[in-house]
N, C-alpha and C. Protein backbone atom coordinates (compact mmCIF):
# COMPACT_ATOMS: atom_id res chain seq x y z
N MET A 1 -29.38 14.36 -20.28
CA MET A 1 -30.40 14.74 -21.37
C MET A 1 -30.16 15.72 -21.95
N ILE A 2 -29.86 16.68 -21.45
CA ILE A 2 -28.26 18.05 -21.66
C ILE A 2 -27.64 18.32 -21.81
N GLY A 3 -27.02 18.46 -22.67
CA GLY A 3 -25.54 17.84 -23.13
C GLY A 3 -24.56 19.56 -21.95
N LYS A 4 -23.04 19.08 -21.77
CA LYS A 4 -22.66 20.56 -21.54
C LYS A 4 -22.33 21.32 -22.58
N MET A 5 -22.57 22.46 -21.83
CA MET A 5 -22.36 24.32 -22.47
C MET A 5 -21.21 24.32 -23.24
N ASN A 6 -19.95 23.58 -22.68
CA ASN A 6 -18.78 24.30 -23.44
C ASN A 6 -18.88 23.24 -25.15
N LYS A 7 -19.39 22.51 -25.18
CA LYS A 7 -19.49 21.76 -26.90
C LYS A 7 -20.07 23.03 -27.95
N ASN A 8 -20.69 24.21 -26.60
CA ASN A 8 -21.20 24.80 -27.83
C ASN A 8 -20.41 26.16 -28.14
N LYS A 9 -19.64 26.12 -27.36
CA LYS A 9 -18.25 27.29 -27.55
C LYS A 9 -18.02 27.79 -28.62
N ILE A 10 -17.93 27.20 -29.70
CA ILE A 10 -17.49 27.41 -31.24
C ILE A 10 -18.50 27.99 -31.77
N LEU A 11 -19.66 27.75 -31.69
CA LEU A 11 -20.74 28.44 -32.45
C LEU A 11 -21.13 29.61 -31.87
N THR A 12 -20.93 29.85 -30.33
CA THR A 12 -21.44 30.99 -29.96
C THR A 12 -20.32 32.08 -30.12
N ILE A 13 -19.16 31.60 -30.68
CA ILE A 13 -17.63 32.40 -31.16
C ILE A 13 -18.03 33.12 -32.28
N LEU A 14 -18.63 31.68 -33.41
CA LEU A 14 -18.84 32.30 -34.42
C LEU A 14 -20.27 33.55 -35.11
N PHE A 15 -20.89 32.66 -34.04
CA PHE A 15 -21.92 33.63 -34.33
C PHE A 15 -21.99 34.87 -33.59
N LEU A 16 -21.40 35.32 -32.73
CA LEU A 16 -20.84 36.71 -32.35
C LEU A 16 -20.11 37.65 -33.08
N VAL A 17 -19.45 36.67 -34.14
CA VAL A 17 -18.76 37.30 -34.99
C VAL A 17 -19.51 37.71 -35.83
N VAL A 18 -20.49 36.83 -36.41
CA VAL A 18 -21.26 37.46 -37.64
C VAL A 18 -22.25 38.22 -36.90
N VAL A 19 -23.08 38.50 -35.96
CA VAL A 19 -23.92 39.27 -35.72
C VAL A 19 -23.24 40.60 -35.30
N SER A 20 -21.68 40.74 -34.88
CA SER A 20 -21.00 42.04 -34.63
C SER A 20 -20.90 42.50 -36.02
N PHE A 21 -20.57 42.03 -37.03
CA PHE A 21 -20.69 41.95 -38.51
C PHE A 21 -22.06 42.63 -38.75
N LEU A 22 -22.88 42.12 -38.86
CA LEU A 22 -24.17 42.51 -39.18
C LEU A 22 -24.67 43.42 -38.47
N ILE A 23 -24.52 44.17 -37.41
CA ILE A 23 -24.60 45.01 -36.79
C ILE A 23 -24.11 46.36 -37.03
N LEU A 24 -22.80 45.79 -37.62
CA LEU A 24 -21.43 46.99 -37.76
C LEU A 24 -21.97 47.70 -38.86
N ILE A 25 -22.82 46.67 -40.24
CA ILE A 25 -23.43 47.38 -41.06
C ILE A 25 -24.22 47.74 -41.16
N ASN A 26 -25.42 47.56 -40.00
CA ASN A 26 -26.65 48.14 -40.20
C ASN A 26 -26.50 49.33 -39.66
N PHE A 27 -25.57 49.78 -38.07
CA PHE A 27 -25.69 50.94 -37.43
C PHE A 27 -24.89 51.97 -38.14
N ASN A 28 -23.58 51.35 -39.26
CA ASN A 28 -22.68 52.19 -39.65
C ASN A 28 -23.19 53.67 -39.78
N ASP A 29 -24.23 54.20 -40.31
CA ASP A 29 -25.31 55.27 -41.02
C ASP A 29 -25.30 56.43 -39.32
N VAL A 30 -25.36 55.16 -38.50
CA VAL A 30 -25.79 55.63 -36.87
C VAL A 30 -24.65 56.32 -35.98
N PHE A 31 -23.71 55.70 -36.18
CA PHE A 31 -22.53 56.15 -35.81
C PHE A 31 -21.26 56.85 -36.32
N TYR A 32 -21.77 56.83 -37.80
CA TYR A 32 -20.36 57.58 -38.75
C TYR A 32 -20.01 58.83 -37.86
N ASN A 33 -21.52 59.88 -37.50
CA ASN A 33 -20.90 60.85 -36.56
C ASN A 33 -20.72 60.73 -35.24
N LYS A 34 -19.78 60.51 -34.71
CA LYS A 34 -19.61 60.52 -33.30
C LYS A 34 -20.28 61.08 -32.23
N GLN A 35 -20.55 62.87 -32.91
CA GLN A 35 -20.91 63.21 -32.05
C GLN A 35 -22.34 63.06 -31.89
N GLU A 36 -23.72 62.49 -32.56
CA GLU A 36 -24.67 62.13 -32.19
C GLU A 36 -24.95 62.09 -31.04
N ASN A 37 -26.50 62.45 -30.47
CA ASN A 37 -26.95 62.45 -29.18
C ASN A 37 -27.26 61.44 -28.54
N SER A 38 -27.19 60.68 -27.51
CA SER A 38 -27.73 59.65 -27.43
C SER A 38 -29.01 59.19 -27.82
N THR A 39 -30.33 60.26 -27.81
CA THR A 39 -31.10 60.06 -28.19
C THR A 39 -31.80 59.81 -29.49
N VAL A 40 -30.58 59.91 -30.36
CA VAL A 40 -30.79 59.36 -31.90
C VAL A 40 -29.89 57.76 -31.66
N ILE A 41 -29.75 57.92 -31.06
CA ILE A 41 -28.51 56.51 -31.13
C ILE A 41 -29.20 55.25 -30.43
N LEU A 42 -30.20 55.47 -29.70
CA LEU A 42 -31.05 55.27 -29.24
C LEU A 42 -32.18 54.29 -29.76
N GLU A 43 -32.58 55.72 -30.72
CA GLU A 43 -33.67 55.73 -31.69
C GLU A 43 -33.58 54.94 -32.65
N LYS A 44 -32.33 54.72 -33.14
CA LYS A 44 -31.89 53.65 -34.12
C LYS A 44 -31.57 52.66 -33.44
N ILE A 45 -31.43 52.29 -32.67
CA ILE A 45 -30.71 50.84 -32.06
C ILE A 45 -31.86 50.27 -31.56
N SER A 46 -33.42 50.79 -31.45
CA SER A 46 -34.28 50.31 -31.07
C SER A 46 -35.17 49.56 -32.14
N LYS A 47 -34.65 49.86 -33.05
CA LYS A 47 -35.36 49.32 -34.24
C LYS A 47 -34.56 47.93 -34.03
N MET A 48 -33.81 47.56 -33.84
CA MET A 48 -33.63 45.60 -33.91
C MET A 48 -34.37 45.37 -32.94
N LYS A 49 -34.77 45.59 -31.68
CA LYS A 49 -36.22 44.72 -30.93
C LYS A 49 -35.00 43.78 -30.08
N GLU A 50 -34.33 43.06 -30.19
CA GLU A 50 -33.95 42.04 -29.56
C GLU A 50 -32.64 41.99 -30.20
N LEU A 51 -31.22 41.57 -29.45
CA LEU A 51 -30.33 41.04 -29.40
C LEU A 51 -29.81 39.36 -29.39
N THR A 52 -29.95 38.53 -29.83
CA THR A 52 -29.53 37.23 -29.65
C THR A 52 -28.23 37.05 -29.43
N THR A 53 -27.28 36.78 -28.28
CA THR A 53 -26.34 36.98 -28.29
C THR A 53 -25.49 35.20 -27.68
N THR A 54 -26.12 34.42 -27.65
CA THR A 54 -25.94 33.08 -27.12
C THR A 54 -27.13 32.02 -27.91
N LYS A 55 -26.90 31.19 -28.15
CA LYS A 55 -27.52 29.67 -28.51
C LYS A 55 -27.04 28.28 -27.90
N TYR A 56 -28.65 27.50 -27.93
CA TYR A 56 -27.94 26.87 -27.41
C TYR A 56 -28.99 25.10 -28.55
N TYR A 57 -28.26 24.35 -28.52
CA TYR A 57 -28.52 23.83 -29.73
C TYR A 57 -28.63 22.13 -28.92
N TYR A 58 -29.76 21.24 -28.87
CA TYR A 58 -29.77 19.89 -28.12
C TYR A 58 -30.82 19.34 -29.17
N SER A 59 -30.48 18.20 -28.84
CA SER A 59 -31.59 16.86 -29.13
C SER A 59 -31.78 16.34 -28.00
N ASN A 60 -33.33 15.87 -27.57
CA ASN A 60 -33.68 15.33 -26.61
C ASN A 60 -34.65 13.95 -26.62
N ILE A 61 -34.58 13.34 -26.19
CA ILE A 61 -35.76 11.72 -26.24
C ILE A 61 -36.40 12.03 -24.76
N ILE A 62 -38.13 11.81 -24.85
CA ILE A 62 -38.79 11.61 -23.89
C ILE A 62 -39.51 10.75 -24.03
N SER A 63 -39.52 9.81 -22.48
CA SER A 63 -40.81 8.19 -22.68
C SER A 63 -41.85 9.37 -21.92
N PHE A 64 -42.56 8.67 -22.51
CA PHE A 64 -44.08 8.78 -22.34
C PHE A 64 -44.75 7.91 -21.41
N LYS A 65 -45.53 7.78 -20.77
CA LYS A 65 -46.38 6.22 -20.06
C LYS A 65 -47.58 6.75 -19.06
N GLU A 66 -48.66 6.31 -19.70
CA GLU A 66 -49.72 7.29 -18.99
C GLU A 66 -51.00 5.92 -19.14
N ASP A 67 -51.22 5.18 -17.75
CA ASP A 67 -52.84 4.87 -17.76
C ASP A 67 -53.94 5.53 -16.72
N LYS A 68 -55.23 5.36 -17.38
CA LYS A 68 -56.21 6.00 -17.13
C LYS A 68 -56.59 5.24 -15.02
N LYS A 69 -56.92 6.32 -14.36
CA LYS A 69 -56.57 5.79 -13.20
C LYS A 69 -57.98 6.32 -12.04
N ILE A 70 -58.57 5.75 -11.15
CA ILE A 70 -59.99 5.74 -10.50
C ILE A 70 -59.43 5.53 -9.17
N GLN A 71 -59.44 6.84 -8.17
CA GLN A 71 -58.72 7.45 -7.32
C GLN A 71 -57.40 6.81 -7.14
N ASN A 72 -56.81 6.92 -7.76
CA ASN A 72 -54.88 7.05 -8.32
C ASN A 72 -54.78 4.90 -7.96
N ILE A 73 -55.84 4.04 -8.48
CA ILE A 73 -55.67 3.22 -9.39
C ILE A 73 -55.86 2.85 -10.37
N LYS A 74 -54.42 1.95 -10.92
CA LYS A 74 -54.50 1.90 -12.81
C LYS A 74 -55.83 1.37 -13.06
N ILE A 75 -56.19 1.78 -14.29
CA ILE A 75 -57.21 1.23 -14.78
C ILE A 75 -56.73 -0.12 -16.02
N PRO A 76 -56.54 -1.64 -15.85
CA PRO A 76 -55.67 -2.71 -16.77
C PRO A 76 -56.50 -2.46 -17.73
N PHE A 77 -55.29 -2.23 -19.02
CA PHE A 77 -55.34 -2.12 -20.33
C PHE A 77 -55.66 -1.23 -20.63
N THR A 78 -55.35 0.08 -20.25
CA THR A 78 -55.53 1.88 -20.40
C THR A 78 -54.27 2.33 -20.71
N GLN A 79 -53.07 1.72 -20.95
CA GLN A 79 -52.34 2.48 -20.69
C GLN A 79 -51.78 2.96 -22.41
N LYS A 80 -51.40 3.92 -22.31
CA LYS A 80 -50.94 4.48 -23.90
C LYS A 80 -48.88 4.84 -23.23
N SER A 81 -48.36 5.32 -24.37
CA SER A 81 -47.23 5.30 -24.36
C SER A 81 -46.41 5.45 -25.32
N PHE A 82 -45.50 5.95 -25.67
CA PHE A 82 -44.49 6.42 -26.75
C PHE A 82 -42.76 7.37 -26.61
N LEU A 83 -42.25 7.35 -27.31
CA LEU A 83 -41.04 7.52 -26.62
C LEU A 83 -40.51 9.07 -28.23
N ILE A 84 -40.27 10.26 -27.78
CA ILE A 84 -40.43 10.84 -28.65
C ILE A 84 -38.65 11.75 -29.04
N LYS A 85 -38.55 11.37 -29.56
CA LYS A 85 -36.88 11.88 -30.33
C LYS A 85 -36.94 12.98 -31.50
N TYR A 86 -36.33 14.80 -30.62
CA TYR A 86 -37.19 15.81 -31.56
C TYR A 86 -35.28 17.04 -31.00
N GLU A 87 -35.32 17.89 -31.56
CA GLU A 87 -34.27 18.69 -31.52
C GLU A 87 -35.14 20.30 -31.21
N GLY A 88 -33.96 21.10 -30.52
CA GLY A 88 -34.32 22.75 -30.45
C GLY A 88 -33.19 23.41 -30.09
N VAL A 89 -33.72 24.76 -29.77
CA VAL A 89 -32.29 25.77 -29.99
C VAL A 89 -33.02 26.51 -28.94
N VAL A 90 -32.15 26.95 -28.11
CA VAL A 90 -32.48 27.85 -27.03
C VAL A 90 -32.00 29.55 -27.37
N LYS A 91 -32.14 30.68 -27.38
CA LYS A 91 -31.90 31.47 -27.78
C LYS A 91 -31.97 32.44 -26.21
N ALA A 92 -30.86 33.34 -26.21
CA ALA A 92 -30.91 34.19 -24.84
C ALA A 92 -30.15 35.43 -25.35
N GLY A 93 -30.80 36.51 -24.94
CA GLY A 93 -29.76 38.03 -25.10
C GLY A 93 -30.97 39.29 -24.48
N ILE A 94 -30.49 39.86 -25.12
CA ILE A 94 -31.29 41.42 -24.51
C ILE A 94 -32.23 41.73 -25.51
N ASP A 95 -33.41 43.08 -24.56
CA ASP A 95 -34.17 43.14 -24.85
C ASP A 95 -33.80 44.76 -25.46
N ILE A 96 -33.65 45.26 -26.93
CA ILE A 96 -32.46 46.53 -26.94
C ILE A 96 -33.77 47.64 -26.75
N ASN A 97 -35.13 47.48 -26.45
CA ASN A 97 -35.97 48.02 -26.18
C ASN A 97 -35.36 48.92 -24.41
N ASP A 98 -34.75 47.68 -23.70
CA ASP A 98 -34.48 48.24 -22.48
C ASP A 98 -32.93 49.31 -21.79
N VAL A 99 -32.78 49.35 -23.43
CA VAL A 99 -30.91 50.05 -23.20
C VAL A 99 -31.40 51.33 -22.98
N GLU A 100 -30.50 51.64 -22.11
CA GLU A 100 -30.40 53.54 -22.00
C GLU A 100 -28.94 53.51 -22.00
N ILE A 101 -28.87 54.82 -22.68
CA ILE A 101 -27.33 55.54 -22.74
C ILE A 101 -27.52 56.56 -21.74
N LEU A 102 -26.75 56.66 -20.91
CA LEU A 102 -26.85 57.11 -19.77
C LEU A 102 -26.15 58.46 -19.57
N GLU A 103 -24.58 57.96 -20.95
CA GLU A 103 -23.80 59.36 -20.75
C GLU A 103 -23.11 59.08 -22.24
N ASN A 104 -23.25 60.05 -23.10
CA ASN A 104 -22.88 59.65 -24.45
C ASN A 104 -21.96 61.57 -24.80
N LYS A 105 -20.35 61.42 -24.19
CA LYS A 105 -19.24 62.24 -24.15
C LYS A 105 -18.38 62.33 -25.14
N GLU A 106 -18.52 62.99 -26.33
CA GLU A 106 -16.96 62.47 -27.31
C GLU A 106 -16.91 61.05 -27.21
N LYS A 107 -15.90 60.63 -26.32
CA LYS A 107 -14.94 58.87 -26.53
C LYS A 107 -15.58 58.12 -25.50
N LYS A 108 -16.39 58.81 -24.44
CA LYS A 108 -17.10 58.19 -23.64
C LYS A 108 -18.15 57.88 -23.40
N ILE A 109 -18.74 56.78 -23.14
CA ILE A 109 -20.40 56.17 -23.52
C ILE A 109 -20.57 55.01 -21.80
N ARG A 110 -21.57 55.75 -21.78
CA ARG A 110 -22.29 54.52 -20.48
C ARG A 110 -23.42 54.14 -20.82
N ILE A 111 -23.75 53.09 -20.59
CA ILE A 111 -24.90 52.87 -21.21
C ILE A 111 -25.40 51.30 -19.79
N LYS A 112 -26.80 51.23 -19.64
CA LYS A 112 -27.34 50.37 -18.44
C LYS A 112 -28.30 49.82 -19.44
N LEU A 113 -28.44 48.34 -18.88
CA LEU A 113 -29.62 47.34 -20.03
C LEU A 113 -29.77 46.24 -18.84
N ASN A 114 -30.99 45.69 -19.08
CA ASN A 114 -31.44 44.24 -18.36
C ASN A 114 -30.49 43.48 -18.31
N ASN A 115 -30.53 42.78 -17.73
CA ASN A 115 -29.86 41.25 -17.57
C ASN A 115 -30.39 40.11 -18.53
N SER A 116 -29.49 39.70 -19.70
CA SER A 116 -30.30 38.59 -20.46
C SER A 116 -31.06 37.59 -20.12
N LYS A 117 -32.08 37.49 -20.80
CA LYS A 117 -32.95 36.47 -20.74
C LYS A 117 -33.52 35.49 -22.10
N ILE A 118 -34.30 34.22 -22.03
CA ILE A 118 -34.30 33.52 -23.01
C ILE A 118 -35.56 34.28 -24.04
N LEU A 119 -35.72 34.46 -25.28
CA LEU A 119 -35.84 35.20 -26.26
C LEU A 119 -36.49 34.25 -27.10
N GLU A 120 -36.07 33.12 -27.17
CA GLU A 120 -37.32 31.64 -28.15
C GLU A 120 -36.56 30.83 -27.49
N HIS A 121 -37.38 29.73 -27.73
CA HIS A 121 -37.33 28.45 -27.46
C HIS A 121 -38.04 27.55 -28.50
N ASN A 122 -37.31 27.38 -29.58
CA ASN A 122 -38.38 26.65 -30.80
C ASN A 122 -37.61 24.97 -30.77
N ILE A 123 -38.72 24.74 -31.53
CA ILE A 123 -38.51 22.72 -31.68
C ILE A 123 -38.90 22.85 -33.15
N ASN A 124 -37.87 22.07 -33.70
CA ASN A 124 -38.26 21.61 -35.41
C ASN A 124 -38.92 20.84 -35.30
N GLU A 125 -39.89 21.15 -35.84
CA GLU A 125 -41.40 20.31 -36.06
C GLU A 125 -40.84 19.27 -37.19
N LYS A 126 -40.24 19.19 -37.78
CA LYS A 126 -39.83 18.54 -39.19
C LYS A 126 -38.91 17.56 -38.68
N ASN A 127 -38.33 17.63 -37.54
CA ASN A 127 -37.34 16.43 -36.97
C ASN A 127 -38.17 15.93 -35.65
N ILE A 128 -39.20 15.66 -35.55
CA ILE A 128 -40.02 15.34 -34.77
C ILE A 128 -40.26 13.88 -34.73
N TYR A 129 -39.76 12.67 -33.75
CA TYR A 129 -40.00 11.62 -34.22
C TYR A 129 -40.42 10.58 -33.14
N VAL A 130 -41.81 9.88 -33.41
CA VAL A 130 -42.59 9.04 -32.39
C VAL A 130 -41.94 7.61 -31.87
N TYR A 131 -42.09 6.80 -31.34
CA TYR A 131 -41.65 5.86 -31.58
C TYR A 131 -42.11 4.82 -30.66
N ASP A 132 -42.15 3.53 -30.23
CA ASP A 132 -42.98 2.64 -29.65
C ASP A 132 -44.40 3.14 -29.08
N GLU A 133 -44.81 3.73 -30.45
CA GLU A 133 -46.83 4.06 -29.82
C GLU A 133 -47.42 2.60 -29.01
N LYS A 134 -48.03 2.95 -28.17
CA LYS A 134 -49.08 2.08 -27.77
C LYS A 134 -50.17 2.43 -27.44
N THR A 135 -51.23 2.29 -27.94
CA THR A 135 -52.43 2.70 -27.44
C THR A 135 -53.22 2.06 -26.83
N SER A 136 -54.34 2.05 -25.92
CA SER A 136 -55.61 1.29 -26.00
C SER A 136 -57.17 2.02 -26.51
N LEU A 137 -57.85 1.44 -26.84
CA LEU A 137 -59.31 1.43 -27.06
C LEU A 137 -59.71 2.31 -26.28
N PHE A 138 -59.22 2.48 -24.67
CA PHE A 138 -60.30 3.82 -24.24
C PHE A 138 -59.34 4.74 -23.92
N ASN A 139 -58.26 4.51 -24.51
CA ASN A 139 -56.65 5.69 -23.86
C ASN A 139 -56.36 5.74 -24.97
N LYS A 140 -56.74 6.90 -26.05
CA LYS A 140 -56.29 7.09 -27.46
C LYS A 140 -55.10 8.11 -27.36
N LEU A 141 -53.83 7.64 -27.79
CA LEU A 141 -52.54 8.46 -27.89
C LEU A 141 -52.76 9.16 -29.31
N SER A 142 -52.56 10.89 -28.82
CA SER A 142 -52.69 11.95 -30.22
C SER A 142 -51.62 12.93 -30.10
N MET A 143 -51.56 13.34 -31.25
CA MET A 143 -50.52 14.25 -31.33
C MET A 143 -49.99 15.47 -30.01
N LYS A 144 -51.89 15.39 -29.56
CA LYS A 144 -51.62 17.05 -28.50
C LYS A 144 -50.95 16.10 -27.55
N ASP A 145 -50.93 14.34 -27.17
CA ASP A 145 -49.82 14.16 -26.45
C ASP A 145 -48.50 14.13 -26.26
N VAL A 146 -48.45 14.48 -27.46
CA VAL A 146 -46.54 14.44 -27.80
C VAL A 146 -46.24 15.98 -27.68
N PHE A 147 -47.23 16.71 -28.05
CA PHE A 147 -46.67 18.37 -27.78
C PHE A 147 -46.86 18.70 -26.67
N ASN A 148 -47.92 18.20 -25.82
CA ASN A 148 -47.77 18.66 -24.46
C ASN A 148 -46.77 17.66 -23.65
N GLU A 149 -46.32 16.95 -23.73
CA GLU A 149 -44.66 16.32 -23.13
C GLU A 149 -43.53 17.06 -23.45
N ILE A 150 -43.81 17.55 -24.65
CA ILE A 150 -41.96 18.71 -25.63
C ILE A 150 -42.78 19.97 -24.76
N THR A 151 -43.95 20.55 -24.66
CA THR A 151 -43.92 21.69 -23.95
C THR A 151 -43.35 21.46 -22.69
N LYS A 152 -44.04 20.45 -21.66
CA LYS A 152 -43.30 20.30 -20.56
C LYS A 152 -41.42 20.63 -20.20
N GLU A 153 -41.24 19.65 -21.13
CA GLU A 153 -39.62 19.39 -21.46
C GLU A 153 -39.05 20.76 -21.32
N LYS A 154 -39.92 21.27 -22.46
CA LYS A 154 -38.77 22.63 -22.74
C LYS A 154 -39.02 23.66 -21.47
N LYS A 155 -39.90 23.34 -20.51
CA LYS A 155 -39.55 24.07 -19.66
C LYS A 155 -38.78 24.20 -18.88
N ASN A 156 -38.30 22.72 -18.50
CA ASN A 156 -37.11 21.88 -17.66
C ASN A 156 -35.82 22.04 -17.65
N ILE A 157 -35.83 22.49 -19.56
CA ILE A 157 -34.90 22.44 -20.34
C ILE A 157 -33.94 23.81 -20.16
N GLU A 158 -34.81 24.89 -20.02
CA GLU A 158 -34.35 25.74 -19.87
C GLU A 158 -34.58 26.42 -18.01
N LYS A 159 -35.03 25.35 -17.41
CA LYS A 159 -34.55 25.40 -16.00
C LYS A 159 -33.03 25.04 -15.68
N LYS A 160 -33.01 24.39 -16.45
CA LYS A 160 -31.46 23.67 -16.15
C LYS A 160 -30.42 24.53 -17.07
N LEU A 161 -31.13 24.93 -18.03
CA LEU A 161 -29.55 26.12 -18.28
C LEU A 161 -29.56 27.23 -17.71
N VAL A 162 -30.88 27.41 -16.84
CA VAL A 162 -30.32 28.81 -16.14
C VAL A 162 -29.78 28.63 -15.08
N GLU A 163 -29.80 27.58 -14.50
CA GLU A 163 -29.39 26.81 -13.38
C GLU A 163 -27.74 26.81 -13.83
N ASP A 164 -27.48 26.64 -14.69
CA ASP A 164 -25.90 25.89 -15.42
C ASP A 164 -25.35 27.36 -15.81
N GLY A 165 -26.00 28.15 -15.87
CA GLY A 165 -25.41 29.72 -16.28
C GLY A 165 -25.38 30.20 -17.41
N PHE A 166 -26.21 29.88 -18.07
CA PHE A 166 -26.62 29.87 -19.58
C PHE A 166 -27.09 31.64 -19.79
N LEU A 167 -27.25 32.09 -18.65
CA LEU A 167 -27.80 33.54 -18.75
C LEU A 167 -26.56 34.51 -18.85
N GLU A 168 -25.73 34.15 -17.72
CA GLU A 168 -24.97 34.42 -17.53
C GLU A 168 -23.74 34.84 -18.39
N GLU A 169 -23.78 33.75 -18.58
CA GLU A 169 -23.16 33.31 -20.84
C GLU A 169 -23.20 34.44 -21.57
N ALA A 170 -24.53 34.99 -21.97
CA ALA A 170 -25.52 35.48 -22.25
C ALA A 170 -24.88 36.86 -22.24
N ASP A 171 -24.94 37.42 -20.85
CA ASP A 171 -24.60 38.41 -20.59
C ASP A 171 -23.29 39.06 -20.90
N LYS A 172 -22.50 37.83 -20.52
CA LYS A 172 -20.96 37.95 -21.06
C LYS A 172 -20.68 38.54 -22.52
N ASN A 173 -21.50 37.50 -23.18
CA ASN A 173 -21.48 37.73 -24.13
C ASN A 173 -21.86 39.06 -25.33
N THR A 174 -23.09 39.16 -24.83
CA THR A 174 -23.23 41.22 -25.25
C THR A 174 -22.15 42.17 -24.40
N LYS A 175 -21.86 42.21 -23.33
CA LYS A 175 -20.63 43.15 -23.43
C LYS A 175 -19.83 43.52 -24.00
N LEU A 176 -19.44 41.97 -24.16
CA LEU A 176 -18.10 41.68 -25.36
C LEU A 176 -18.31 42.24 -26.63
N LEU A 177 -19.84 42.37 -26.93
CA LEU A 177 -20.15 42.31 -28.29
C LEU A 177 -20.51 44.18 -28.43
N LEU A 178 -21.24 44.18 -27.51
CA LEU A 178 -21.14 46.19 -27.60
C LEU A 178 -20.01 46.48 -27.53
N GLU A 179 -19.19 46.34 -26.22
CA GLU A 179 -17.96 46.91 -26.35
C GLU A 179 -17.14 46.90 -27.20
N SER A 180 -17.03 45.68 -28.42
CA SER A 180 -16.66 45.67 -29.27
C SER A 180 -16.79 46.92 -30.48
N ILE A 181 -18.01 46.92 -30.61
CA ILE A 181 -19.19 47.54 -31.56
C ILE A 181 -18.40 48.90 -31.03
N LEU A 182 -18.38 49.46 -30.06
CA LEU A 182 -18.42 50.66 -29.93
C LEU A 182 -16.97 51.17 -29.75
N ARG A 183 -16.12 50.13 -29.26
CA ARG A 183 -14.53 50.62 -29.62
C ARG A 183 -14.52 50.77 -31.09
N ASP A 184 -15.25 50.01 -32.26
CA ASP A 184 -14.83 50.46 -34.00
C ASP A 184 -15.20 51.34 -33.73
N LEU A 185 -16.27 52.00 -33.40
CA LEU A 185 -17.25 53.53 -33.28
C LEU A 185 -15.87 54.53 -32.79
N GLY A 186 -14.87 54.30 -31.97
CA GLY A 186 -13.83 55.58 -31.87
C GLY A 186 -14.15 55.63 -30.32
N TYR A 187 -15.30 55.12 -29.63
CA TYR A 187 -15.32 55.51 -28.06
C TYR A 187 -13.82 53.91 -27.43
N GLU A 188 -13.76 55.24 -26.60
CA GLU A 188 -12.28 54.85 -25.09
C GLU A 188 -12.49 54.51 -24.35
N LYS A 189 -13.53 55.06 -23.81
CA LYS A 189 -14.15 54.77 -22.33
C LYS A 189 -15.74 54.43 -22.07
N ILE A 190 -15.88 52.86 -21.99
CA ILE A 190 -17.23 52.25 -22.22
C ILE A 190 -17.61 51.62 -20.98
N GLU A 191 -18.40 52.10 -20.57
CA GLU A 191 -18.94 51.07 -19.48
C GLU A 191 -20.52 50.92 -19.47
N ILE A 192 -20.64 49.60 -19.39
CA ILE A 192 -21.70 48.33 -19.79
C ILE A 192 -22.70 47.95 -18.05
N VAL A 193 -23.50 49.24 -17.34
CA VAL A 193 -24.17 48.05 -16.58
C VAL A 193 -25.29 47.39 -16.69
N PHE A 194 -25.40 46.73 -15.67
CA PHE A 194 -26.61 45.56 -16.36
C PHE A 194 -27.31 45.71 -14.90
N GLU A 195 -28.57 45.81 -15.30
CA GLU A 195 -29.37 45.68 -14.24
C GLU A 195 -30.60 45.00 -14.17
N LYS A 196 -30.46 43.93 -13.26
CA LYS A 196 -31.57 42.82 -12.85
C LYS A 196 -33.39 43.20 -13.33
N TYR A 197 -33.97 42.00 -14.05
CA TYR A 197 -35.32 42.45 -14.16
C TYR A 197 -36.44 42.54 -12.62
N LYS A 198 -36.92 43.40 -12.56
CA LYS A 198 -38.04 43.37 -11.41
C LYS A 198 -38.69 42.33 -11.31
């Protein structure tokens, strides 16, 4: 159902390069003066809201079949079923509001932030295809059935990604990205501490 995560390595690297470039442009005025205090830096950074560092693109197929039942006994001629094919993207990263600058002295900086989390999970509604539709007079098929199944499957995909280390990968990418940005800004000693969500 879910492909191996390493097929997204190249996309992740390219994405990090683009994000790094954009952040450097947006925050050039923030860090131009290396002596700015942590309050000003944090205020500027907080305007970003969220920082996505890892994306997972996937396609999926769902098979759905349902009969009306009375006391767990299937009622004949009430089955509805279909196959769904769709595409989605899961984004993980950090909430910038959780970033705390613990120390900012000359060329040394210490930053604390929460571990990465899933920020978005979007389905491309233009690429949802329904096949082999079967409905009955007493059990009509509806688009609500389709979206209910997709919603259930989204949770399963997120759970599987977390189990496979998706958020740990996002933490690593976040650390690498922030270290790269801070080094480009002149910092030599950089410490980034992750704190789990309570």
